[in-house]
Amino acid sequence: MKRHLAIGLAAALVLGVAAAGAVELKSLRGDSPDAPAKLFKKKRYATQTGGYRRQWKTQPPLIPHKIDKERISLDENSCFRCHSPDTYKAENAPMISRTHFKDPDNPSDKNLIRMRWFCYQCHVPQVDAPPLVENRFKAAGK
């Protein structure tokens, strides 16, 4: 019985110390974490002729145009319309990076690495929106 009491007191002490050192987090939803999220106005895509400057050396390029009508599925990738090795010059668009092909010295639509098929895993469009949380990121070299 004394042993159970001692274990219970020790647990209470540990939990009390943990609770005292806890940091209070505030939800973007307000005081009630179960409250529905506030609706927001749909943001407009930011477009930029010539693309966006990379913020660090290996950053994937950002998409400088709207993508709401683009389609990527297991069988289709509409990004190829403008960015494939066969079309990029005529479309005045950057070609898909050679790193996305099995044989970088001989790129073609047929040997694109399937891991690189879903462009939006790494390449993202931009919108003109205020940040949700504070951000102190500094671009490389600045």
N, C-alpha and C. Protein backbone atom coordinates (compact mmCIF):
# COMPACT_ATOMS: atom_id res chain seq x y z
N MET A 1 0.82 -1.20 0.00
CA MET A 1 0.00 0.00 0.00
C MET A 1 0.87 1.26 0.00
N LYS A 2 1.90 1.28 0.84
CA LYS A 2 2.80 2.44 0.90
C LYS A 2 3.52 2.62 -0.44
N ARG A 3 3.83 1.48 -1.06
CA ARG A 3 4.51 1.53 -2.34
C ARG A 3 3.63 2.21 -3.40
N HIS A 4 2.34 1.86 -3.46
CA HIS A 4 1.41 2.46 -4.42
C HIS A 4 1.24 3.95 -4.14
N LEU A 5 1.20 4.31 -2.87
CA LEU A 5 1.06 5.72 -2.50
C LEU A 5 2.29 6.50 -2.95
N ALA A 6 3.48 5.92 -2.75
CA ALA A 6 4.72 6.59 -3.14
C ALA A 6 4.79 6.76 -4.66
N ILE A 7 4.38 5.75 -5.41
CA ILE A 7 4.38 5.84 -6.87
C ILE A 7 3.39 6.91 -7.33
N GLY A 8 2.21 6.94 -6.71
CA GLY A 8 1.20 7.94 -7.05
C GLY A 8 1.68 9.35 -6.77
N LEU A 9 2.33 9.55 -5.62
CA LEU A 9 2.85 10.89 -5.28
C LEU A 9 3.97 11.30 -6.25
N ALA A 10 4.83 10.36 -6.60
CA ALA A 10 5.91 10.66 -7.54
C ALA A 10 5.34 11.06 -8.91
N ALA A 11 4.34 10.31 -9.36
CA ALA A 11 3.71 10.64 -10.64
C ALA A 11 3.05 12.00 -10.60
N ALA A 12 2.36 12.30 -9.52
CA ALA A 12 1.71 13.61 -9.37
C ALA A 12 2.75 14.73 -9.39
N LEU A 13 3.86 14.52 -8.73
CA LEU A 13 4.92 15.53 -8.69
C LEU A 13 5.50 15.76 -10.10
N VAL A 14 5.77 14.66 -10.82
CA VAL A 14 6.32 14.78 -12.18
C VAL A 14 5.33 15.50 -13.08
N LEU A 15 4.06 15.12 -13.03
CA LEU A 15 3.05 15.76 -13.86
C LEU A 15 2.87 17.22 -13.50
N GLY A 16 2.94 17.54 -12.23
CA GLY A 16 2.81 18.94 -11.79
C GLY A 16 3.95 19.79 -12.30
N VAL A 17 5.18 19.27 -12.24
CA VAL A 17 6.34 20.01 -12.73
C VAL A 17 6.24 20.19 -14.25
N ALA A 18 5.81 19.13 -14.95
CA ALA A 18 5.66 19.22 -16.41
C ALA A 18 4.61 20.26 -16.78
N ALA A 19 3.51 20.28 -16.06
CA ALA A 19 2.44 21.24 -16.36
C ALA A 19 2.90 22.66 -16.07
N ALA A 20 3.69 22.85 -15.01
CA ALA A 20 4.16 24.19 -14.65
C ALA A 20 5.10 24.74 -15.71
N GLY A 21 5.87 23.85 -16.39
CA GLY A 21 6.83 24.30 -17.39
C GLY A 21 6.24 24.33 -18.79
N ALA A 22 4.97 23.99 -18.94
CA ALA A 22 4.35 23.94 -20.26
C ALA A 22 4.20 25.34 -20.84
N VAL A 23 4.35 25.42 -22.14
CA VAL A 23 4.19 26.68 -22.86
C VAL A 23 2.78 26.72 -23.41
N GLU A 24 2.12 27.84 -23.24
CA GLU A 24 0.76 27.97 -23.77
C GLU A 24 0.84 28.30 -25.25
N LEU A 25 0.17 27.49 -26.05
CA LEU A 25 0.14 27.71 -27.48
C LEU A 25 -1.20 28.31 -27.86
N LYS A 26 -1.18 29.22 -28.82
CA LYS A 26 -2.42 29.83 -29.28
C LYS A 26 -2.73 29.30 -30.67
N SER A 27 -3.95 28.90 -30.86
CA SER A 27 -4.39 28.38 -32.14
C SER A 27 -4.77 29.51 -33.07
N LEU A 28 -4.57 29.29 -34.36
CA LEU A 28 -5.03 30.26 -35.34
C LEU A 28 -6.55 30.31 -35.39
N ARG A 29 -7.21 29.31 -34.78
CA ARG A 29 -8.67 29.26 -34.74
C ARG A 29 -9.23 30.01 -33.54
N GLY A 30 -8.38 30.56 -32.69
CA GLY A 30 -8.87 31.29 -31.53
C GLY A 30 -8.83 30.45 -30.26
N ASP A 31 -9.73 30.75 -29.31
CA ASP A 31 -9.71 30.09 -28.01
C ASP A 31 -10.19 28.65 -28.06
N SER A 32 -11.02 28.31 -29.00
CA SER A 32 -11.60 26.98 -29.06
C SER A 32 -10.97 26.19 -30.21
N PRO A 33 -10.18 25.15 -29.89
CA PRO A 33 -9.55 24.38 -30.98
C PRO A 33 -10.56 23.65 -31.85
N ASP A 34 -11.80 23.49 -31.35
CA ASP A 34 -12.82 22.79 -32.13
C ASP A 34 -13.66 23.74 -32.99
N ALA A 35 -13.40 25.03 -32.88
CA ALA A 35 -14.15 26.01 -33.67
C ALA A 35 -13.84 25.82 -35.15
N PRO A 36 -14.80 26.03 -36.02
CA PRO A 36 -14.50 25.90 -37.45
C PRO A 36 -13.53 27.00 -37.89
N ALA A 37 -12.71 26.66 -38.85
CA ALA A 37 -11.76 27.63 -39.38
C ALA A 37 -12.52 28.76 -40.05
N LYS A 38 -11.98 29.96 -39.95
CA LYS A 38 -12.60 31.11 -40.61
C LYS A 38 -12.37 31.00 -42.11
N LEU A 39 -13.38 31.30 -42.87
CA LEU A 39 -13.23 31.32 -44.32
C LEU A 39 -12.34 32.49 -44.71
N PHE A 40 -11.60 32.33 -45.73
CA PHE A 40 -10.74 33.40 -46.20
C PHE A 40 -11.02 33.66 -47.67
N LYS A 41 -10.70 34.86 -48.08
CA LYS A 41 -10.87 35.19 -49.50
C LYS A 41 -9.84 34.41 -50.30
N LYS A 42 -10.27 33.89 -51.44
CA LYS A 42 -9.35 33.17 -52.29
C LYS A 42 -8.27 34.13 -52.77
N LYS A 43 -7.04 33.73 -52.61
CA LYS A 43 -5.93 34.59 -53.00
C LYS A 43 -5.66 34.47 -54.49
N ARG A 44 -5.20 35.54 -55.06
CA ARG A 44 -4.84 35.54 -56.47
C ARG A 44 -3.41 35.04 -56.61
N TYR A 45 -3.18 34.24 -57.65
CA TYR A 45 -1.82 33.79 -57.92
C TYR A 45 -0.97 34.99 -58.26
N ALA A 46 0.24 35.01 -57.75
CA ALA A 46 1.20 36.03 -58.12
C ALA A 46 1.93 35.54 -59.36
N THR A 47 2.03 36.37 -60.35
CA THR A 47 2.76 36.00 -61.56
C THR A 47 3.95 36.93 -61.70
N GLN A 48 5.03 36.38 -62.23
CA GLN A 48 6.23 37.20 -62.37
C GLN A 48 6.98 36.79 -63.63
N THR A 49 7.08 37.70 -64.57
CA THR A 49 7.81 37.44 -65.80
C THR A 49 9.27 37.18 -65.46
N GLY A 50 9.80 36.10 -65.99
CA GLY A 50 11.20 35.78 -65.73
C GLY A 50 11.40 34.91 -64.49
N GLY A 51 10.32 34.64 -63.76
CA GLY A 51 10.43 33.77 -62.59
C GLY A 51 10.87 34.49 -61.33
N TYR A 52 11.06 33.71 -60.28
CA TYR A 52 11.47 34.23 -58.97
C TYR A 52 12.92 33.84 -58.70
N ARG A 53 13.62 34.73 -58.00
CA ARG A 53 15.00 34.45 -57.60
C ARG A 53 14.99 33.37 -56.52
N ARG A 54 15.90 32.42 -56.60
CA ARG A 54 16.00 31.37 -55.59
C ARG A 54 16.57 31.93 -54.31
N GLN A 55 16.09 31.43 -53.18
CA GLN A 55 16.51 31.93 -51.87
C GLN A 55 17.67 31.14 -51.28
N TRP A 56 17.93 29.95 -51.80
CA TRP A 56 19.10 29.17 -51.42
C TRP A 56 19.51 28.35 -52.63
N LYS A 57 20.74 27.85 -52.61
CA LYS A 57 21.36 27.24 -53.79
C LYS A 57 20.55 26.11 -54.40
N THR A 58 20.01 25.21 -53.61
CA THR A 58 19.32 24.04 -54.15
C THR A 58 17.80 24.15 -54.10
N GLN A 59 17.28 25.36 -53.94
CA GLN A 59 15.83 25.56 -53.91
C GLN A 59 15.22 25.21 -55.26
N PRO A 60 14.15 24.41 -55.28
CA PRO A 60 13.46 24.18 -56.55
C PRO A 60 12.86 25.50 -57.04
N PRO A 61 12.86 25.74 -58.34
CA PRO A 61 12.27 26.99 -58.83
C PRO A 61 10.80 27.10 -58.45
N LEU A 62 10.37 28.32 -58.15
CA LEU A 62 8.96 28.59 -57.84
C LEU A 62 8.21 28.76 -59.16
N ILE A 63 6.93 28.45 -59.14
CA ILE A 63 6.12 28.56 -60.35
C ILE A 63 5.63 30.00 -60.47
N PRO A 64 6.00 30.71 -61.54
CA PRO A 64 5.64 32.13 -61.66
C PRO A 64 4.35 32.38 -62.43
N HIS A 65 3.43 31.39 -62.43
CA HIS A 65 2.17 31.57 -63.17
C HIS A 65 1.06 30.77 -62.49
N LYS A 66 -0.17 30.99 -62.95
CA LYS A 66 -1.32 30.28 -62.40
C LYS A 66 -1.22 28.79 -62.75
N ILE A 67 -1.74 27.94 -61.84
CA ILE A 67 -1.73 26.50 -62.11
C ILE A 67 -3.11 25.87 -61.94
N ASP A 68 -4.14 26.69 -61.75
CA ASP A 68 -5.47 26.14 -61.45
C ASP A 68 -6.04 25.28 -62.57
N LYS A 69 -5.56 25.44 -63.80
CA LYS A 69 -6.07 24.61 -64.90
C LYS A 69 -5.08 23.52 -65.31
N GLU A 70 -3.96 23.43 -64.62
CA GLU A 70 -2.98 22.38 -64.93
C GLU A 70 -3.45 21.06 -64.35
N ARG A 71 -3.06 19.95 -65.00
CA ARG A 71 -3.48 18.62 -64.54
C ARG A 71 -2.25 17.72 -64.42
N ILE A 72 -2.15 17.09 -63.26
CA ILE A 72 -1.12 16.07 -63.06
C ILE A 72 -1.81 14.86 -62.45
N SER A 73 -1.70 13.74 -63.14
CA SER A 73 -2.27 12.48 -62.64
C SER A 73 -1.25 11.39 -62.97
N LEU A 74 -1.61 10.14 -62.72
CA LEU A 74 -0.69 9.05 -63.05
C LEU A 74 -0.42 8.96 -64.54
N ASP A 75 -1.38 9.40 -65.35
CA ASP A 75 -1.26 9.27 -66.80
C ASP A 75 -0.99 10.57 -67.54
N GLU A 76 -1.13 11.69 -66.88
CA GLU A 76 -1.06 12.99 -67.56
C GLU A 76 -0.27 13.98 -66.72
N ASN A 77 0.51 14.81 -67.39
CA ASN A 77 1.21 15.91 -66.73
C ASN A 77 1.19 17.08 -67.71
N SER A 78 0.30 18.03 -67.45
CA SER A 78 0.14 19.15 -68.38
C SER A 78 1.32 20.12 -68.35
N CYS A 79 2.19 20.00 -67.38
CA CYS A 79 3.38 20.85 -67.35
C CYS A 79 4.26 20.60 -68.58
N PHE A 80 4.17 19.37 -69.14
CA PHE A 80 4.95 19.04 -70.33
C PHE A 80 4.57 19.86 -71.54
N ARG A 81 3.35 20.39 -71.56
CA ARG A 81 2.94 21.20 -72.72
C ARG A 81 3.94 22.31 -72.99
N CYS A 82 4.48 22.88 -71.92
CA CYS A 82 5.41 24.00 -72.10
C CYS A 82 6.86 23.68 -71.70
N HIS A 83 7.06 22.73 -70.80
CA HIS A 83 8.38 22.54 -70.21
C HIS A 83 9.12 21.30 -70.66
N SER A 84 8.58 20.54 -71.61
CA SER A 84 9.27 19.32 -72.07
C SER A 84 10.46 19.71 -72.96
N PRO A 85 11.41 18.80 -73.15
CA PRO A 85 12.53 19.09 -74.04
C PRO A 85 12.09 19.38 -75.47
N ASP A 86 10.92 18.87 -75.86
CA ASP A 86 10.44 19.09 -77.23
C ASP A 86 9.72 20.42 -77.42
N THR A 87 9.21 21.01 -76.34
CA THR A 87 8.36 22.20 -76.49
C THR A 87 8.87 23.47 -75.82
N TYR A 88 9.84 23.36 -74.93
CA TYR A 88 10.19 24.52 -74.11
C TYR A 88 10.67 25.73 -74.92
N LYS A 89 11.40 25.50 -75.99
CA LYS A 89 11.89 26.63 -76.80
C LYS A 89 10.74 27.37 -77.47
N ALA A 90 9.84 26.62 -78.07
CA ALA A 90 8.70 27.24 -78.76
C ALA A 90 7.79 27.97 -77.77
N GLU A 91 7.71 27.47 -76.54
CA GLU A 91 6.84 28.09 -75.53
C GLU A 91 7.56 29.18 -74.73
N ASN A 92 8.86 29.36 -75.00
CA ASN A 92 9.66 30.34 -74.27
C ASN A 92 9.58 30.09 -72.76
N ALA A 93 9.75 28.83 -72.37
CA ALA A 93 9.66 28.41 -70.96
C ALA A 93 10.92 27.64 -70.59
N PRO A 94 11.26 27.60 -69.32
CA PRO A 94 12.42 26.79 -68.94
C PRO A 94 12.13 25.30 -69.15
N MET A 95 13.16 24.57 -69.55
CA MET A 95 13.00 23.12 -69.73
C MET A 95 13.06 22.44 -68.36
N ILE A 96 12.35 21.33 -68.24
CA ILE A 96 12.45 20.51 -67.04
C ILE A 96 13.92 20.20 -66.82
N SER A 97 14.35 20.31 -65.57
CA SER A 97 15.77 20.11 -65.26
C SER A 97 16.25 18.74 -65.70
N ARG A 98 17.48 18.69 -66.18
CA ARG A 98 18.07 17.41 -66.59
C ARG A 98 18.14 16.43 -65.42
N THR A 99 18.13 16.93 -64.19
CA THR A 99 18.17 16.04 -63.01
C THR A 99 16.90 15.22 -62.88
N HIS A 100 15.86 15.55 -63.66
CA HIS A 100 14.59 14.84 -63.57
C HIS A 100 14.52 13.65 -64.53
N PHE A 101 15.59 13.40 -65.27
CA PHE A 101 15.60 12.33 -66.26
C PHE A 101 16.55 11.22 -65.84
N LYS A 102 16.22 9.99 -66.25
CA LYS A 102 17.07 8.83 -65.95
C LYS A 102 18.45 9.00 -66.58
N ASP A 103 18.47 9.47 -67.80
CA ASP A 103 19.73 9.71 -68.50
C ASP A 103 19.83 11.21 -68.77
N PRO A 104 20.50 11.96 -67.89
CA PRO A 104 20.53 13.42 -68.04
C PRO A 104 21.15 13.91 -69.35
N ASP A 105 21.98 13.08 -69.98
CA ASP A 105 22.60 13.50 -71.24
C ASP A 105 21.69 13.31 -72.44
N ASN A 106 20.57 12.60 -72.25
CA ASN A 106 19.65 12.35 -73.36
C ASN A 106 18.21 12.44 -72.85
N PRO A 107 17.77 13.64 -72.43
CA PRO A 107 16.41 13.75 -71.88
C PRO A 107 15.35 13.58 -72.96
N SER A 108 14.28 12.94 -72.58
CA SER A 108 13.10 12.87 -73.44
C SER A 108 11.90 12.64 -72.54
N ASP A 109 10.72 12.89 -73.06
CA ASP A 109 9.52 12.70 -72.25
C ASP A 109 9.38 11.26 -71.77
N LYS A 110 9.95 10.33 -72.50
CA LYS A 110 9.75 8.91 -72.19
C LYS A 110 10.59 8.40 -71.03
N ASN A 111 11.66 9.09 -70.66
CA ASN A 111 12.49 8.58 -69.58
C ASN A 111 12.57 9.52 -68.38
N LEU A 112 11.50 10.25 -68.13
CA LEU A 112 11.42 11.08 -66.93
C LEU A 112 11.35 10.16 -65.72
N ILE A 113 12.10 10.46 -64.68
CA ILE A 113 12.06 9.66 -63.45
C ILE A 113 10.67 9.82 -62.83
N ARG A 114 10.00 8.72 -62.55
CA ARG A 114 8.62 8.78 -62.03
C ARG A 114 8.56 9.51 -60.68
N MET A 115 9.62 9.48 -59.90
CA MET A 115 9.63 10.23 -58.63
C MET A 115 9.53 11.73 -58.89
N ARG A 116 9.88 12.17 -60.08
CA ARG A 116 9.86 13.59 -60.43
C ARG A 116 8.63 13.97 -61.24
N TRP A 117 7.69 13.07 -61.38
CA TRP A 117 6.50 13.28 -62.21
C TRP A 117 5.55 14.30 -61.61
N PHE A 118 5.37 14.31 -60.29
CA PHE A 118 4.40 15.18 -59.62
C PHE A 118 5.07 16.50 -59.22
N CYS A 119 5.09 17.41 -60.14
CA CYS A 119 5.85 18.66 -60.04
C CYS A 119 5.57 19.44 -58.74
N TYR A 120 4.30 19.42 -58.28
CA TYR A 120 3.92 20.26 -57.15
C TYR A 120 4.44 19.74 -55.82
N GLN A 121 5.14 18.61 -55.83
CA GLN A 121 5.80 18.16 -54.60
C GLN A 121 6.91 19.14 -54.23
N CYS A 122 7.54 19.72 -55.22
CA CYS A 122 8.68 20.61 -54.97
C CYS A 122 8.47 22.02 -55.51
N HIS A 123 7.78 22.14 -56.64
CA HIS A 123 7.58 23.44 -57.27
C HIS A 123 6.20 23.96 -56.89
N VAL A 124 6.16 25.18 -56.39
CA VAL A 124 4.89 25.72 -55.89
C VAL A 124 4.63 27.10 -56.46
N PRO A 125 3.35 27.42 -56.70
CA PRO A 125 3.01 28.77 -57.14
C PRO A 125 3.04 29.73 -55.95
N GLN A 126 2.98 31.00 -56.22
CA GLN A 126 3.00 32.02 -55.17
C GLN A 126 1.68 32.79 -55.16
N VAL A 127 1.29 33.24 -53.99
CA VAL A 127 0.13 34.11 -53.87
C VAL A 127 0.53 35.33 -53.06
N ASP A 128 -0.20 36.39 -53.25
CA ASP A 128 0.06 37.61 -52.49
C ASP A 128 -0.76 37.52 -51.21
N ALA A 129 -0.15 37.04 -50.13
CA ALA A 129 -0.85 36.85 -48.87
C ALA A 129 0.08 37.16 -47.71
N PRO A 130 -0.45 37.72 -46.63
CA PRO A 130 0.39 37.97 -45.47
C PRO A 130 0.73 36.63 -44.80
N PRO A 131 1.89 36.54 -44.16
CA PRO A 131 2.26 35.29 -43.50
C PRO A 131 1.32 35.00 -42.32
N LEU A 132 1.07 33.70 -42.07
CA LEU A 132 0.22 33.31 -40.95
C LEU A 132 0.95 33.41 -39.63
N VAL A 133 2.25 33.19 -39.65
CA VAL A 133 3.07 33.25 -38.44
C VAL A 133 4.32 34.06 -38.75
N GLU A 134 4.97 34.54 -37.71
CA GLU A 134 6.19 35.32 -37.89
C GLU A 134 7.26 34.48 -38.58
N ASN A 135 8.01 35.09 -39.47
CA ASN A 135 9.03 34.38 -40.22
C ASN A 135 10.28 35.25 -40.25
N ARG A 136 11.39 34.70 -39.76
CA ARG A 136 12.65 35.45 -39.73
C ARG A 136 13.66 34.90 -40.73
N PHE A 137 13.17 34.16 -41.74
CA PHE A 137 14.06 33.55 -42.72
C PHE A 137 14.84 34.62 -43.47
N LYS A 138 16.13 34.38 -43.65
CA LYS A 138 16.99 35.27 -44.44
C LYS A 138 17.51 34.47 -45.62
N ALA A 139 17.42 35.03 -46.80
CA ALA A 139 17.90 34.36 -48.01
C ALA A 139 19.39 34.10 -47.90
N ALA A 140 19.86 33.03 -48.50
CA ALA A 140 21.28 32.69 -48.48
C ALA A 140 22.08 33.82 -49.12
N GLY A 141 23.21 34.13 -48.54
CA GLY A 141 24.07 35.16 -49.08
C GLY A 141 23.65 36.57 -48.72
N LYS A 142 22.71 36.71 -47.81
CA LYS A 142 22.26 38.06 -47.42
C LYS A 142 22.60 38.34 -45.99
